[in-house]
């Protein structure tokens, strides 16, 4: 198989994408964010419904949201006061999914020097989600409540397009389901309409490669483990 220049560019954008958990403060031009979203909107969606809605946060607006969510995260009563509006993860974990989840978690905490007993350290690291890992741009994604499962599949392709388009511009991202627990706070701060539901958040900016957490490389199963060719 001969690799074309186009294939190499696309493959590099996809394979270089990873979740970055520490960003430099360098600003990202609004024109670049708009261009990324414009490209991402070419994602397929059933009968062209285009179910995505995006709130792009920078500066004081991003700080207001971060402050409000982080305050709830650090409130001891928050686990009882806030819960996800939809189940991102399975209600019952089984192998191999629980094994992969545990591995990536402990690989990250290991890089950061956090042990199983360091509950405060793990709590603080999780809280960095709500600072968008210091990225200059934070995004909150919502969907109309009337949309069903198919539109959520479409939404995933839109999110992937954002992350790949960002890589094509030398930018990095971190998709964040962590925000869903605090959907009520997000709705209040952003004044979301009642018919909109928070899907997730995302950090966007330039990776700080001096930070140890950004050396994390997650493993992927080989094609032979997840694909079956039927002839």
C-alpha atoms as a PDB file:
ATOM      1  CA  UNK A   1       0.000   0.000   0.000  1.00  0.00           C
ATOM      2  CA  UNK A   2       1.375   3.391  -1.058  1.00  0.00           C
ATOM      3  CA  UNK A   3       0.910   6.203   1.422  1.00  0.00           C
ATOM      4  CA  UNK A   4      -0.238   9.480  -0.092  1.00  0.00           C
ATOM      5  CA  UNK A   5       0.722  12.863   1.391  1.00  0.00           C
ATOM      6  CA  UNK A   6      -2.936  13.404   2.297  1.00  0.00           C
ATOM      7  CA  UNK A   7      -3.090  10.096   4.158  1.00  0.00           C
ATOM      8  CA  UNK A   8       0.015  10.943   6.168  1.00  0.00           C
ATOM      9  CA  UNK A   9      -1.396  14.333   7.171  1.00  0.00           C
ATOM     10  CA  UNK A  10      -4.782  12.953   8.210  1.00  0.00           C
ATOM     11  CA  UNK A  11      -3.286   9.953  10.016  1.00  0.00           C
ATOM     12  CA  UNK A  12      -0.842  12.202  11.887  1.00  0.00           C
ATOM     13  CA  UNK A  13      -3.647  14.493  13.038  1.00  0.00           C
ATOM     14  CA  UNK A  14      -5.650  11.523  14.332  1.00  0.00           C
ATOM     15  CA  UNK A  15      -2.830   9.552  15.953  1.00  0.00           C
ATOM     16  CA  UNK A  16      -1.245  12.604  17.604  1.00  0.00           C
ATOM     17  CA  UNK A  17      -4.508  13.487  19.350  1.00  0.00           C
ATOM     18  CA  UNK A  18      -4.495  12.733  23.047  1.00  0.00           C
ATOM     19  CA  UNK A  19      -5.972  14.154  26.210  1.00  0.00           C
ATOM     20  CA  UNK A  20      -3.750  16.972  27.447  1.00  0.00           C
ATOM     21  CA  UNK A  21      -3.975  17.827  31.136  1.00  0.00           C
ATOM     22  CA  UNK A  22      -1.717  20.883  31.346  1.00  0.00           C
ATOM     23  CA  UNK A  23      -1.742  23.823  28.933  1.00  0.00           C
ATOM     24  CA  UNK A  24       0.402  26.882  28.342  1.00  0.00           C
ATOM     25  CA  UNK A  25      -1.282  30.275  28.859  1.00  0.00           C
ATOM     26  CA  UNK A  26      -0.656  31.320  25.234  1.00  0.00           C
ATOM     27  CA  UNK A  27      -3.913  32.663  23.789  1.00  0.00           C
ATOM     28  CA  UNK A  28      -5.748  31.019  20.911  1.00  0.00           C
ATOM     29  CA  UNK A  29      -7.111  33.399  18.306  1.00  0.00           C
ATOM     30  CA  UNK A  30     -10.879  33.509  18.019  1.00  0.00           C
ATOM     31  CA  UNK A  31     -10.524  33.068  14.257  1.00  0.00           C
ATOM     32  CA  UNK A  32      -8.777  29.752  14.834  1.00  0.00           C
ATOM     33  CA  UNK A  33     -11.525  28.540  17.162  1.00  0.00           C
ATOM     34  CA  UNK A  34     -14.167  29.575  14.646  1.00  0.00           C
ATOM     35  CA  UNK A  35     -12.276  27.806  11.853  1.00  0.00           C
ATOM     36  CA  UNK A  36     -12.007  24.610  13.915  1.00  0.00           C
ATOM     37  CA  UNK A  37     -15.720  24.632  14.663  1.00  0.00           C
ATOM     38  CA  UNK A  38     -16.533  25.374  11.031  1.00  0.00           C
ATOM     39  CA  UNK A  39     -14.507  22.366   9.889  1.00  0.00           C
ATOM     40  CA  UNK A  40     -15.916  20.161  12.664  1.00  0.00           C
ATOM     41  CA  UNK A  41     -19.472  20.995  11.631  1.00  0.00           C
ATOM     42  CA  UNK A  42     -18.906  18.884   8.507  1.00  0.00           C
ATOM     43  CA  UNK A  43     -19.413  15.852  10.758  1.00  0.00           C
ATOM     44  CA  UNK A  44     -22.178  13.552   9.520  1.00  0.00           C
ATOM     45  CA  UNK A  45     -25.516  13.621  11.293  1.00  0.00           C
ATOM     46  CA  UNK A  46     -28.712  11.726  10.623  1.00  0.00           C
ATOM     47  CA  UNK A  47     -30.785  13.635   8.026  1.00  0.00           C
ATOM     48  CA  UNK A  48     -28.422  16.590   8.606  1.00  0.00           C
ATOM     49  CA  UNK A  49     -29.907  17.400  12.004  1.00  0.00           C
ATOM     50  CA  UNK A  50     -26.591  18.857  13.285  1.00  0.00           C
ATOM     51  CA  UNK A  51     -27.501  18.449  16.985  1.00  0.00           C
ATOM     52  CA  UNK A  52     -24.469  20.238  18.446  1.00  0.00           C
ATOM     53  CA  UNK A  53     -24.422  23.524  20.355  1.00  0.00           C
ATOM     54  CA  UNK A  54     -21.205  25.024  21.678  1.00  0.00           C
ATOM     55  CA  UNK A  55     -20.436  27.625  24.357  1.00  0.00           C
ATOM     56  CA  UNK A  56     -16.884  28.925  23.878  1.00  0.00           C
ATOM     57  CA  UNK A  57     -15.442  30.404  27.063  1.00  0.00           C
ATOM     58  CA  UNK A  58     -12.378  32.591  27.491  1.00  0.00           C
ATOM     59  CA  UNK A  59     -11.148  35.166  29.990  1.00  0.00           C
ATOM     60  CA  UNK A  60     -13.529  36.262  32.726  1.00  0.00           C
ATOM     61  CA  UNK A  61     -16.382  34.067  31.473  1.00  0.00           C
ATOM     62  CA  UNK A  62     -14.246  30.958  31.739  1.00  0.00           C
ATOM     63  CA  UNK A  63     -13.069  31.979  35.203  1.00  0.00           C
ATOM     64  CA  UNK A  64     -16.653  32.494  36.412  1.00  0.00           C
ATOM     65  CA  UNK A  65     -17.646  29.009  35.359  1.00  0.00           C
ATOM     66  CA  UNK A  66     -14.473  27.444  36.747  1.00  0.00           C
ATOM     67  CA  UNK A  67     -14.859  29.217  40.097  1.00  0.00           C
ATOM     68  CA  UNK A  68     -18.487  28.132  40.468  1.00  0.00           C
ATOM     69  CA  UNK A  69     -17.872  24.484  39.564  1.00  0.00           C
ATOM     70  CA  UNK A  70     -14.652  24.187  41.564  1.00  0.00           C
ATOM     71  CA  UNK A  71     -16.400  25.602  44.639  1.00  0.00           C
ATOM     72  CA  UNK A  72     -18.993  22.835  44.396  1.00  0.00           C
ATOM     73  CA  UNK A  73     -16.288  20.230  43.767  1.00  0.00           C
ATOM     74  CA  UNK A  74     -14.499  21.259  46.960  1.00  0.00           C
ATOM     75  CA  UNK A  75     -17.695  21.287  49.033  1.00  0.00           C
ATOM     76  CA  UNK A  76     -17.833  18.056  51.095  1.00  0.00           C
ATOM     77  CA  UNK A  77     -21.584  17.840  50.497  1.00  0.00           C
ATOM     78  CA  UNK A  78     -21.291  18.013  46.705  1.00  0.00           C
ATOM     79  CA  UNK A  79     -21.328  14.247  46.050  1.00  0.00           C
ATOM     80  CA  UNK A  80     -24.850  14.191  47.449  1.00  0.00           C
ATOM     81  CA  UNK A  81     -25.937  17.532  46.015  1.00  0.00           C
ATOM     82  CA  UNK A  82     -24.833  17.012  42.409  1.00  0.00           C
ATOM     83  CA  UNK A  83     -25.136  14.072  40.054  1.00  0.00           C
ATOM     84  CA  UNK A  84     -24.814  13.419  36.334  1.00  0.00           C
ATOM     85  CA  UNK A  85     -27.894  13.937  34.219  1.00  0.00           C
ATOM     86  CA  UNK A  86     -27.041  10.978  32.031  1.00  0.00           C
ATOM     87  CA  UNK A  87     -24.899   7.865  32.474  1.00  0.00           C
ATOM     88  CA  UNK A  88     -21.656   8.260  30.581  1.00  0.00           C
ATOM     89  CA  UNK A  89     -20.150   5.122  32.070  1.00  0.00           C
ATOM     90  CA  UNK A  90     -21.778   1.707  32.549  1.00  0.00           C
ATOM     91  CA  UNK A  91     -23.740   1.172  35.732  1.00  0.00           C
ATOM     92  CA  UNK A  92     -21.916  -2.130  36.216  1.00  0.00           C
ATOM     93  CA  UNK A  93     -18.238  -2.391  35.336  1.00  0.00           C
ATOM     94  CA  UNK A  94     -16.851  -5.621  33.861  1.00  0.00           C
ATOM     95  CA  UNK A  95     -13.557  -6.704  32.323  1.00  0.00           C
ATOM     96  CA  UNK A  96     -11.866  -5.585  30.095  1.00  0.00           C
ATOM     97  CA  UNK A  97     -13.357  -2.096  30.497  1.00  0.00           C
ATOM     98  CA  UNK A  98     -12.763  -1.762  34.229  1.00  0.00           C
ATOM     99  CA  UNK A  99      -9.176  -2.958  33.740  1.00  0.00           C
ATOM    100  CA  UNK A 100      -8.478  -0.292  31.129  1.00  0.00           C
ATOM    101  CA  UNK A 101     -10.116   2.373  33.273  1.00  0.00           C
ATOM    102  CA  UNK A 102      -8.034   1.471  36.308  1.00  0.00           C
ATOM    103  CA  UNK A 103      -4.814   1.305  34.319  1.00  0.00           C
ATOM    104  CA  UNK A 104      -5.101   4.735  32.766  1.00  0.00           C
ATOM    105  CA  UNK A 105      -6.070   6.219  36.128  1.00  0.00           C
ATOM    106  CA  UNK A 106      -3.165   4.737  38.014  1.00  0.00           C
ATOM    107  CA  UNK A 107      -0.754   5.455  35.168  1.00  0.00           C
ATOM    108  CA  UNK A 108      -1.678   9.136  35.418  1.00  0.00           C
ATOM    109  CA  UNK A 109      -1.552   9.232  39.199  1.00  0.00           C
ATOM    110  CA  UNK A 110       1.765   7.386  39.132  1.00  0.00           C
ATOM    111  CA  UNK A 111       3.303  10.067  36.924  1.00  0.00           C
ATOM    112  CA  UNK A 112       2.029  12.697  39.367  1.00  0.00           C
ATOM    113  CA  UNK A 113       3.355  10.809  42.367  1.00  0.00           C
ATOM    114  CA  UNK A 114      -0.109  10.203  43.802  1.00  0.00           C
ATOM    115  CA  UNK A 115      -0.661   7.013  45.786  1.00  0.00           C
ATOM    116  CA  UNK A 116      -3.921   5.195  46.514  1.00  0.00           C
ATOM    117  CA  UNK A 117      -3.979   6.714  49.984  1.00  0.00           C
ATOM    118  CA  UNK A 118      -3.585  10.287  48.772  1.00  0.00           C
ATOM    119  CA  UNK A 119      -7.280  11.099  48.501  1.00  0.00           C
ATOM    120  CA  UNK A 120      -6.666  14.840  48.784  1.00  0.00           C
ATOM    121  CA  UNK A 121      -4.140  14.772  45.966  1.00  0.00           C
ATOM    122  CA  UNK A 122      -6.467  12.809  43.700  1.00  0.00           C
ATOM    123  CA  UNK A 123      -9.325  15.176  44.532  1.00  0.00           C
ATOM    124  CA  UNK A 124      -7.173  18.183  43.652  1.00  0.00           C
ATOM    125  CA  UNK A 125      -6.046  16.618  40.386  1.00  0.00           C
ATOM    126  CA  UNK A 126      -9.637  15.836  39.423  1.00  0.00           C
ATOM    127  CA  UNK A 127     -10.515  19.429  40.255  1.00  0.00           C
ATOM    128  CA  UNK A 128      -8.106  20.635  37.569  1.00  0.00           C
ATOM    129  CA  UNK A 129     -10.736  19.505  35.082  1.00  0.00           C
ATOM    130  CA  UNK A 130     -12.857  22.443  36.176  1.00  0.00           C
ATOM    131  CA  UNK A 131     -10.014  24.882  35.468  1.00  0.00           C
ATOM    132  CA  UNK A 132      -9.889  23.453  31.952  1.00  0.00           C
ATOM    133  CA  UNK A 133      -6.360  22.398  32.917  1.00  0.00           C
ATOM    134  CA  UNK A 134      -5.357  26.085  32.566  1.00  0.00           C
ATOM    135  CA  UNK A 135      -6.170  26.104  28.844  1.00  0.00           C
ATOM    136  CA  UNK A 136      -7.015  29.564  27.458  1.00  0.00           C
ATOM    137  CA  UNK A 137     -10.197  28.234  25.840  1.00  0.00           C
ATOM    138  CA  UNK A 138     -12.885  26.114  27.445  1.00  0.00           C
ATOM    139  CA  UNK A 139     -15.925  24.740  25.660  1.00  0.00           C
ATOM    140  CA  UNK A 140     -19.208  23.423  26.971  1.00  0.00           C
ATOM    141  CA  UNK A 141     -21.310  21.319  24.614  1.00  0.00           C
ATOM    142  CA  UNK A 142     -25.069  20.944  24.867  1.00  0.00           C
ATOM    143  CA  UNK A 143     -27.813  19.118  23.029  1.00  0.00           C
ATOM    144  CA  UNK A 144     -31.569  19.592  22.843  1.00  0.00           C
ATOM    145  CA  UNK A 145     -33.326  17.212  25.205  1.00  0.00           C
ATOM    146  CA  UNK A 146     -35.659  15.994  22.483  1.00  0.00           C
ATOM    147  CA  UNK A 147     -32.769  14.390  20.583  1.00  0.00           C
ATOM    148  CA  UNK A 148     -32.308  10.640  20.917  1.00  0.00           C
ATOM    149  CA  UNK A 149     -29.416   8.166  20.930  1.00  0.00           C
ATOM    150  CA  UNK A 150     -28.598   8.552  17.253  1.00  0.00           C
ATOM    151  CA  UNK A 151     -27.932  12.251  17.688  1.00  0.00           C
ATOM    152  CA  UNK A 152     -25.518  11.475  20.508  1.00  0.00           C
ATOM    153  CA  UNK A 153     -23.598   9.242  18.080  1.00  0.00           C
ATOM    154  CA  UNK A 154     -23.503  12.148  15.637  1.00  0.00           C
ATOM    155  CA  UNK A 155     -22.281  14.400  18.434  1.00  0.00           C
ATOM    156  CA  UNK A 156     -19.302  12.138  19.064  1.00  0.00           C
ATOM    157  CA  UNK A 157     -18.187  12.549  15.459  1.00  0.00           C
ATOM    158  CA  UNK A 158     -18.465  16.327  15.801  1.00  0.00           C
ATOM    159  CA  UNK A 159     -16.320  16.272  18.948  1.00  0.00           C
ATOM    160  CA  UNK A 160     -13.713  14.096  17.250  1.00  0.00           C
ATOM    161  CA  UNK A 161     -13.621  16.510  14.319  1.00  0.00           C
ATOM    162  CA  UNK A 162     -12.872  19.366  16.707  1.00  0.00           C
ATOM    163  CA  UNK A 163      -9.985  17.486  18.255  1.00  0.00           C
ATOM    164  CA  UNK A 164      -8.502  16.447  14.910  1.00  0.00           C
ATOM    165  CA  UNK A 165      -8.932  19.912  13.387  1.00  0.00           C
ATOM    166  CA  UNK A 166      -7.178  21.345  16.451  1.00  0.00           C
ATOM    167  CA  UNK A 167      -4.224  19.036  15.909  1.00  0.00           C
ATOM    168  CA  UNK A 168      -4.002  20.212  12.315  1.00  0.00           C
ATOM    169  CA  UNK A 169      -3.387  23.705  13.687  1.00  0.00           C
ATOM    170  CA  UNK A 170      -0.831  22.664  16.287  1.00  0.00           C
ATOM    171  CA  UNK A 171      -3.353  22.848  19.124  1.00  0.00           C
ATOM    172  CA  UNK A 172      -4.314  20.260  21.707  1.00  0.00           C
ATOM    173  CA  UNK A 173      -7.498  19.330  23.540  1.00  0.00           C
ATOM    174  CA  UNK A 174      -8.933  17.362  26.414  1.00  0.00           C
ATOM    175  CA  UNK A 175     -12.548  16.169  26.182  1.00  0.00           C
ATOM    176  CA  UNK A 176     -14.096  16.220  29.658  1.00  0.00           C
ATOM    177  CA  UNK A 177     -17.124  14.285  30.827  1.00  0.00           C
ATOM    178  CA  UNK A 178     -16.226  15.490  34.337  1.00  0.00           C
ATOM    179  CA  UNK A 179     -18.347  18.598  33.815  1.00  0.00           C
ATOM    180  CA  UNK A 180     -21.599  16.646  33.544  1.00  0.00           C
ATOM    181  CA  UNK A 181     -21.853  16.182  37.322  1.00  0.00           C
ATOM    182  CA  UNK A 182     -22.270  19.935  37.683  1.00  0.00           C
ATOM    183  CA  UNK A 183     -24.759  20.510  34.869  1.00  0.00           C
ATOM    184  CA  UNK A 184     -27.055  22.559  37.112  1.00  0.00           C
ATOM    185  CA  UNK A 185     -24.268  24.994  37.979  1.00  0.00           C
ATOM    186  CA  UNK A 186     -23.236  25.209  34.324  1.00  0.00           C
ATOM    187  CA  UNK A 187     -26.834  25.878  33.311  1.00  0.00           C
ATOM    188  CA  UNK A 188     -27.080  28.691  35.842  1.00  0.00           C
ATOM    189  CA  UNK A 189     -23.762  30.361  34.991  1.00  0.00           C
ATOM    190  CA  UNK A 190     -24.267  30.123  31.221  1.00  0.00           C
ATOM    191  CA  UNK A 191     -28.010  30.781  31.426  1.00  0.00           C
ATOM    192  CA  UNK A 192     -28.794  27.681  29.404  1.00  0.00           C
ATOM    193  CA  UNK A 193     -32.350  27.219  28.131  1.00  0.00           C
ATOM    194  CA  UNK A 194     -34.295  24.515  29.975  1.00  0.00           C
ATOM    195  CA  UNK A 195     -34.452  22.389  26.842  1.00  0.00           C
ATOM    196  CA  UNK A 196     -30.651  22.113  26.562  1.00  0.00           C
ATOM    197  CA  UNK A 197     -28.664  19.333  28.216  1.00  0.00           C
ATOM    198  CA  UNK A 198     -24.914  19.422  28.968  1.00  0.00           C
ATOM    199  CA  UNK A 199     -23.026  16.780  26.970  1.00  0.00           C
ATOM    200  CA  UNK A 200     -19.444  17.452  28.099  1.00  0.00           C
ATOM    201  CA  UNK A 201     -16.711  20.067  28.235  1.00  0.00           C
ATOM    202  CA  UNK A 202     -13.418  20.423  26.393  1.00  0.00           C
ATOM    203  CA  UNK A 203     -10.143  22.243  26.958  1.00  0.00           C
ATOM    204  CA  UNK A 204      -8.355  23.788  23.969  1.00  0.00           C
ATOM    205  CA  UNK A 205      -4.925  25.345  23.764  1.00  0.00           C
ATOM    206  CA  UNK A 206      -1.214  24.648  23.472  1.00  0.00           C
ATOM    207  CA  UNK A 207       0.122  21.679  25.440  1.00  0.00           C
ATOM    208  CA  UNK A 208       2.683  22.392  28.139  1.00  0.00           C
ATOM    209  CA  UNK A 209       5.077  19.549  27.413  1.00  0.00           C
ATOM    210  CA  UNK A 210       7.200  20.415  30.463  1.00  0.00           C
ATOM    211  CA  UNK A 211       4.416  18.966  32.644  1.00  0.00           C
ATOM    212  CA  UNK A 212       4.862  15.304  33.532  1.00  0.00           C
ATOM    213  CA  UNK A 213       1.173  14.455  33.096  1.00  0.00           C
ATOM    214  CA  UNK A 214       1.448  15.205  29.390  1.00  0.00           C
ATOM    215  CA  UNK A 215       3.915  12.356  28.955  1.00  0.00           C
ATOM    216  CA  UNK A 216       1.074   9.877  29.497  1.00  0.00           C
ATOM    217  CA  UNK A 217       0.536   7.627  26.465  1.00  0.00           C
ATOM    218  CA  UNK A 218      -2.539   5.451  26.649  1.00  0.00           C
ATOM    219  CA  UNK A 219      -2.524   2.008  25.084  1.00  0.00           C
ATOM    220  CA  UNK A 220      -4.771   0.848  22.251  1.00  0.00           C
ATOM    221  CA  UNK A 221      -5.828  -2.658  21.387  1.00  0.00           C
ATOM    222  CA  UNK A 222      -4.555  -4.050  18.068  1.00  0.00           C
ATOM    223  CA  UNK A 223      -7.045  -4.392  15.229  1.00  0.00           C
ATOM    224  CA  UNK A 224      -6.904  -8.175  15.575  1.00  0.00           C
ATOM    225  CA  UNK A 225      -8.426  -7.880  19.064  1.00  0.00           C
ATOM    226  CA  UNK A 226     -11.498  -5.819  18.199  1.00  0.00           C
ATOM    227  CA  UNK A 227     -12.213  -6.435  14.499  1.00  0.00           C
ATOM    228  CA  UNK A 228     -13.575  -9.507  12.802  1.00  0.00           C
ATOM    229  CA  UNK A 229     -13.299  -9.784   9.025  1.00  0.00           C
ATOM    230  CA  UNK A 230     -16.121 -11.828   7.551  1.00  0.00           C
ATOM    231  CA  UNK A 231     -15.730 -13.067   3.979  1.00  0.00           C
END
